[in-house]
Amino acid sequence: MGRHVVAGVDGSDSAALALDWAAADAGRRGLALRVVYVREPWAGEWVTSEGYDSLTVQVERLLER
């Protein structure tokens, strides 16, 4: 298993700042960055490809910021 820096994000401004810090830290240390998007599940929620695509778009937008 490779070494990497992990950053958990949830779409908040403070999480975006933490992601910036983690990305800079990973760069300084020459390590990969792993971003984990976290949110509370909704009652009765089922994972679907539609929901997955929506989350993927949200994470890509966050990374672009």
Protein backbone atom coordinates (compact mmCIF):
# COMPACT_ATOMS: atom_id res chain seq x y z
CA MET A 1 0.00 0.00 0.00
CA GLY A 2 1.41 3.37 -1.01
CA ARG A 3 1.79 6.31 1.27
CA HIS A 4 -0.62 9.18 0.84
CA VAL A 5 -2.27 12.10 2.60
CA VAL A 6 -6.02 11.73 3.19
CA ALA A 7 -8.39 14.70 3.34
CA GLY A 8 -12.05 14.31 4.27
CA VAL A 9 -14.33 16.96 2.77
CA ASP A 10 -18.03 17.70 3.10
CA GLY A 11 -18.55 20.76 0.92
CA SER A 12 -18.07 23.28 3.75
CA ASP A 13 -15.69 26.22 3.58
CA SER A 14 -13.61 24.81 6.45
CA ALA A 15 -13.27 21.49 4.62
CA ALA A 16 -12.12 23.33 1.49
CA LEU A 17 -9.41 25.04 3.57
CA ALA A 18 -8.39 21.67 5.02
CA LEU A 19 -8.21 20.24 1.50
CA ASP A 20 -5.95 23.11 0.40
CA TRP A 21 -3.65 22.42 3.35
CA ALA A 22 -3.63 18.66 2.68
CA ALA A 23 -2.84 19.19 -1.01
CA ALA A 24 0.07 21.50 -0.15
CA ASP A 25 1.32 19.05 2.48
CA ALA A 26 1.15 16.13 0.05
CA GLY A 27 3.06 18.20 -2.52
CA ARG A 28 5.78 19.14 -0.01
CA ARG A 29 6.18 15.53 1.05
CA GLY A 30 5.97 14.05 -2.45
CA LEU A 31 2.97 11.91 -1.53
CA ALA A 32 -0.31 11.18 -3.29
CA LEU A 33 -3.46 12.95 -2.12
CA ARG A 34 -6.61 10.93 -1.43
CA VAL A 35 -9.81 12.97 -1.10
CA VAL A 36 -12.79 11.42 0.68
CA TYR A 37 -16.17 13.13 0.27
CA VAL A 38 -18.28 12.73 3.41
CA ARG A 39 -21.93 13.47 4.04
CA GLU A 40 -24.74 12.20 6.23
CA PRO A 41 -26.85 9.51 4.52
CA TRP A 42 -30.54 10.16 3.98
CA ALA A 43 -33.04 7.78 5.51
CA GLY A 44 -33.88 4.99 3.09
CA GLU A 45 -31.21 6.07 0.64
CA TRP A 46 -29.97 3.62 -1.97
CA VAL A 47 -26.85 4.16 -4.01
CA THR A 48 -27.70 4.50 -7.68
CA SER A 49 -25.62 5.40 -10.68
CA GLU A 50 -27.55 8.69 -10.84
CA GLY A 51 -26.62 9.53 -7.24
CA TYR A 52 -23.04 8.46 -7.83
CA ASP A 53 -22.77 10.70 -10.89
CA SER A 54 -24.15 13.62 -8.87
CA LEU A 55 -21.55 13.09 -6.12
CA THR A 56 -18.79 12.78 -8.72
CA VAL A 57 -19.75 16.14 -10.22
CA GLN A 58 -19.81 17.73 -6.75
CA VAL A 59 -16.33 16.43 -5.91
CA GLU A 60 -14.93 17.50 -9.28
CA ARG A 61 -16.25 21.03 -8.69
CA LEU A 62 -14.70 21.08 -5.24
CA LEU A 63 -11.34 20.01 -6.64
CA GLU A 64 -11.53 22.71 -9.32
CA ARG A 65 -11.94 25.34 -6.56
